[in-house]
Amino acid sequence: MDYKPRFSQPFTLNEAIGLDVAVITEEMSRLQNSLERLRETQKILQEAISDPGEPDPEIKLAFEENQVVIGSQEERISMLKMALLEKGIVAGSHYGLTESLSTNPSPNLLTTTPTSSLNLGDQANPDDEGLHL
């Protein structure tokens, strides 16, 4: 599966697919928390910008920079959701994911190519006492 992100991301979709499910879900939770805080901050900044008079240029810049960060983090959550879907895990499953993860990438950003099969054998750890299929 190929994915062309709009924003610079610290990992590719294929790298995300290679991550352990727990790592993916923890990162998604961290990003959701960050987005919640950013949105709260944006409301405060928007109020300051909307006040009568000339808005502080630094507040305006912070608002604009936060918009970019929000877009990037939403896209990152979408990539992690796609990685989970590739692993056969859907939002709302027992991994604690909720529908608030329904941050969907823009259809024009998603390019998929069929994958022959997902080989999870590369991730097998002989010391892991998990179920081996």
C-alpha atoms as a PDB file:
ATOM      1  CA  MET A   1       0.000   0.000   0.000  1.00  0.00           C
ATOM      2  CA  ASP A   2       1.436   3.373  -1.029  1.00  0.00           C
ATOM      3  CA  TYR A   3       0.403   6.573   0.653  1.00  0.00           C
ATOM      4  CA  LYS A   4       1.543  10.057  -0.265  1.00  0.00           C
ATOM      5  CA  PRO A   5       1.225  12.313   2.791  1.00  0.00           C
ATOM      6  CA  ARG A   6       0.653  16.046   2.375  1.00  0.00           C
ATOM      7  CA  PHE A   7       2.790  16.795   5.418  1.00  0.00           C
ATOM      8  CA  SER A   8       6.265  15.637   6.316  1.00  0.00           C
ATOM      9  CA  GLN A   9       5.874  12.644   8.636  1.00  0.00           C
ATOM     10  CA  PRO A  10       8.400  10.857  10.874  1.00  0.00           C
ATOM     11  CA  PHE A  11       7.534   7.493   9.297  1.00  0.00           C
ATOM     12  CA  THR A  12       6.060   6.003   6.145  1.00  0.00           C
ATOM     13  CA  LEU A  13       2.875   3.954   5.981  1.00  0.00           C
ATOM     14  CA  ASN A  14       4.920   0.821   5.342  1.00  0.00           C
ATOM     15  CA  GLU A  15       7.028   1.537   8.428  1.00  0.00           C
ATOM     16  CA  ALA A  16       3.838   2.016  10.460  1.00  0.00           C
ATOM     17  CA  ILE A  17       2.511  -1.317   9.220  1.00  0.00           C
ATOM     18  CA  GLY A  18       5.671  -2.914  10.585  1.00  0.00           C
ATOM     19  CA  LEU A  19       5.040  -1.556  14.093  1.00  0.00           C
ATOM     20  CA  ASP A  20       3.493  -3.586  16.888  1.00  0.00           C
ATOM     21  CA  VAL A  21      -0.239  -2.976  17.385  1.00  0.00           C
ATOM     22  CA  ALA A  22       0.345  -1.704  20.937  1.00  0.00           C
ATOM     23  CA  VAL A  23       2.857   0.868  19.683  1.00  0.00           C
ATOM     24  CA  ILE A  24       0.418   2.048  17.013  1.00  0.00           C
ATOM     25  CA  THR A  25      -2.512   2.406  19.411  1.00  0.00           C
ATOM     26  CA  GLU A  26      -0.391   4.175  22.037  1.00  0.00           C
ATOM     27  CA  GLU A  27       0.849   6.663  19.443  1.00  0.00           C
ATOM     28  CA  MET A  28      -2.700   7.247  18.228  1.00  0.00           C
ATOM     29  CA  SER A  29      -3.827   7.979  21.795  1.00  0.00           C
ATOM     30  CA  ARG A  30      -0.900  10.340  22.322  1.00  0.00           C
ATOM     31  CA  LEU A  31      -1.710  12.176  19.096  1.00  0.00           C
ATOM     32  CA  GLN A  32      -5.414  12.411  19.978  1.00  0.00           C
ATOM     33  CA  ASN A  33      -4.522  13.952  23.338  1.00  0.00           C
ATOM     34  CA  SER A  34      -2.167  16.388  21.631  1.00  0.00           C
ATOM     35  CA  LEU A  35      -4.871  17.354  19.114  1.00  0.00           C
ATOM     36  CA  GLU A  36      -7.349  17.969  21.910  1.00  0.00           C
ATOM     37  CA  ARG A  37      -4.905  20.348  23.603  1.00  0.00           C
ATOM     38  CA  LEU A  38      -4.045  22.071  20.333  1.00  0.00           C
ATOM     39  CA  ARG A  39      -7.719  22.659  19.545  1.00  0.00           C
ATOM     40  CA  GLU A  40      -8.286  24.135  23.006  1.00  0.00           C
ATOM     41  CA  THR A  41      -5.317  26.433  22.436  1.00  0.00           C
ATOM     42  CA  GLN A  42      -6.640  27.394  19.000  1.00  0.00           C
ATOM     43  CA  LYS A  43      -9.918  28.565  20.547  1.00  0.00           C
ATOM     44  CA  ILE A  44      -8.003  30.814  22.946  1.00  0.00           C
ATOM     45  CA  LEU A  45      -5.769  32.150  20.182  1.00  0.00           C
ATOM     46  CA  GLN A  46      -8.780  32.734  17.902  1.00  0.00           C
ATOM     47  CA  GLU A  47     -10.472  34.769  20.635  1.00  0.00           C
ATOM     48  CA  ALA A  48      -7.323  36.876  21.035  1.00  0.00           C
ATOM     49  CA  ILE A  49      -7.103  37.401  17.275  1.00  0.00           C
ATOM     50  CA  SER A  50     -10.815  38.331  17.089  1.00  0.00           C
ATOM     51  CA  ASP A  51     -10.540  40.985  19.804  1.00  0.00           C
ATOM     52  CA  PRO A  52     -10.983  44.557  18.555  1.00  0.00           C
ATOM     53  CA  GLY A  53      -7.808  46.225  17.443  1.00  0.00           C
ATOM     54  CA  GLU A  54      -4.730  44.943  15.711  1.00  0.00           C
ATOM     55  CA  PRO A  55      -4.008  41.303  16.636  1.00  0.00           C
ATOM     56  CA  ASP A  56      -0.587  40.474  18.054  1.00  0.00           C
ATOM     57  CA  PRO A  57       1.503  39.126  15.136  1.00  0.00           C
ATOM     58  CA  GLU A  58       3.010  36.418  17.362  1.00  0.00           C
ATOM     59  CA  ILE A  59      -0.434  35.167  18.357  1.00  0.00           C
ATOM     60  CA  LYS A  60      -1.460  35.121  14.711  1.00  0.00           C
ATOM     61  CA  LEU A  61       1.712  33.216  13.802  1.00  0.00           C
ATOM     62  CA  ALA A  62       1.147  30.700  16.618  1.00  0.00           C
ATOM     63  CA  PHE A  63      -2.412  30.133  15.369  1.00  0.00           C
ATOM     64  CA  GLU A  64      -1.202  29.519  11.812  1.00  0.00           C
ATOM     65  CA  GLU A  65       1.602  27.202  12.946  1.00  0.00           C
ATOM     66  CA  ASN A  66      -0.835  25.216  15.090  1.00  0.00           C
ATOM     67  CA  GLN A  67      -3.088  24.759  12.055  1.00  0.00           C
ATOM     68  CA  VAL A  68      -0.206  23.057  10.244  1.00  0.00           C
ATOM     69  CA  VAL A  69       0.602  20.880  13.264  1.00  0.00           C
ATOM     70  CA  ILE A  70      -3.058  19.870  13.579  1.00  0.00           C
ATOM     71  CA  GLY A  71      -3.177  18.867   9.912  1.00  0.00           C
ATOM     72  CA  SER A  72       0.025  16.881  10.244  1.00  0.00           C
ATOM     73  CA  GLN A  73      -1.126  15.057  13.368  1.00  0.00           C
ATOM     74  CA  GLU A  74      -4.537  14.262  11.866  1.00  0.00           C
ATOM     75  CA  GLU A  75      -2.780  12.841   8.833  1.00  0.00           C
ATOM     76  CA  ARG A  76      -0.456  10.798  11.074  1.00  0.00           C
ATOM     77  CA  ILE A  77      -3.487   9.322  12.874  1.00  0.00           C
ATOM     78  CA  SER A  78      -4.952   8.428   9.480  1.00  0.00           C
ATOM     79  CA  MET A  79      -1.728   6.678   8.523  1.00  0.00           C
ATOM     80  CA  LEU A  80      -1.732   4.720  11.783  1.00  0.00           C
ATOM     81  CA  LYS A  81      -5.388   3.766  11.230  1.00  0.00           C
ATOM     82  CA  MET A  82      -4.503   2.500   7.769  1.00  0.00           C
ATOM     83  CA  ALA A  83      -1.664   0.475   9.298  1.00  0.00           C
ATOM     84  CA  LEU A  84      -4.099  -1.114  11.742  1.00  0.00           C
ATOM     85  CA  LEU A  85      -6.553  -1.850   8.939  1.00  0.00           C
ATOM     86  CA  GLU A  86      -3.750  -3.518   6.991  1.00  0.00           C
ATOM     87  CA  LYS A  87      -3.214  -5.707  10.078  1.00  0.00           C
ATOM     88  CA  GLY A  88      -6.945  -6.535  10.110  1.00  0.00           C
ATOM     89  CA  ILE A  89      -7.840  -4.329  13.087  1.00  0.00           C
ATOM     90  CA  VAL A  90     -10.729  -1.868  12.888  1.00  0.00           C
ATOM     91  CA  ALA A  91     -11.523   1.137  15.083  1.00  0.00           C
ATOM     92  CA  GLY A  92     -13.823   0.239  17.941  1.00  0.00           C
ATOM     93  CA  SER A  93     -12.253  -3.183  18.407  1.00  0.00           C
ATOM     94  CA  HIS A  94     -10.923  -4.385  21.746  1.00  0.00           C
ATOM     95  CA  TYR A  95      -7.756  -2.316  21.280  1.00  0.00           C
ATOM     96  CA  GLY A  96      -9.481   0.672  22.863  1.00  0.00           C
ATOM     97  CA  LEU A  97      -9.839   2.653  19.662  1.00  0.00           C
ATOM     98  CA  THR A  98     -12.896   4.796  19.294  1.00  0.00           C
ATOM     99  CA  GLU A  99     -14.667   6.394  16.413  1.00  0.00           C
ATOM    100  CA  SER A 100     -12.959   9.662  17.328  1.00  0.00           C
ATOM    101  CA  LEU A 101     -10.169   8.159  15.255  1.00  0.00           C
ATOM    102  CA  SER A 102     -12.250   8.686  12.156  1.00  0.00           C
ATOM    103  CA  THR A 103      -9.841  11.275  10.835  1.00  0.00           C
ATOM    104  CA  ASN A 104      -9.997  10.342   7.180  1.00  0.00           C
ATOM    105  CA  PRO A 105      -7.372  11.345   4.678  1.00  0.00           C
ATOM    106  CA  SER A 106      -8.510  13.267   1.681  1.00  0.00           C
ATOM    107  CA  PRO A 107      -9.302  10.779  -1.110  1.00  0.00           C
ATOM    108  CA  ASN A 108      -6.869  12.523  -3.459  1.00  0.00           C
ATOM    109  CA  LEU A 109      -4.035  11.831  -0.993  1.00  0.00           C
ATOM    110  CA  LEU A 110      -4.544   8.092  -0.879  1.00  0.00           C
ATOM    111  CA  THR A 111      -3.009   5.876  -3.494  1.00  0.00           C
ATOM    112  CA  THR A 112      -3.226   2.189  -2.872  1.00  0.00           C
ATOM    113  CA  THR A 113      -1.603  -0.700  -4.605  1.00  0.00           C
ATOM    114  CA  PRO A 114      -2.679  -4.225  -3.801  1.00  0.00           C
ATOM    115  CA  THR A 115      -0.432  -6.151  -1.483  1.00  0.00           C
ATOM    116  CA  SER A 116       0.059  -9.811  -2.195  1.00  0.00           C
ATOM    117  CA  SER A 117      -0.062 -10.778   1.469  1.00  0.00           C
ATOM    118  CA  LEU A 118       0.921  -9.393   4.790  1.00  0.00           C
ATOM    119  CA  ASN A 119       3.762 -11.420   6.262  1.00  0.00           C
ATOM    120  CA  LEU A 120       3.755 -10.985  10.004  1.00  0.00           C
ATOM    121  CA  GLY A 121       6.319 -13.761  10.386  1.00  0.00           C
ATOM    122  CA  ASP A 122       9.130 -11.214  10.188  1.00  0.00           C
ATOM    123  CA  GLN A 123       7.900  -9.758  13.469  1.00  0.00           C
ATOM    124  CA  ALA A 124       7.803 -13.087  15.304  1.00  0.00           C
ATOM    125  CA  ASN A 125       9.882 -13.111  18.436  1.00  0.00           C
ATOM    126  CA  PRO A 126      10.743 -16.606  19.671  1.00  0.00           C
ATOM    127  CA  ASP A 127      10.926 -15.287  23.251  1.00  0.00           C
ATOM    128  CA  ASP A 128       7.398 -13.902  22.971  1.00  0.00           C
ATOM    129  CA  GLU A 129       4.882 -16.177  24.639  1.00  0.00           C
ATOM    130  CA  GLY A 130       2.084 -14.973  22.391  1.00  0.00           C
ATOM    131  CA  LEU A 131       0.030 -17.172  20.124  1.00  0.00           C
ATOM    132  CA  HIS A 132       1.888 -18.158  16.957  1.00  0.00           C
ATOM    133  CA  LEU A 133      -0.290 -19.007  13.971  1.00  0.00           C
END
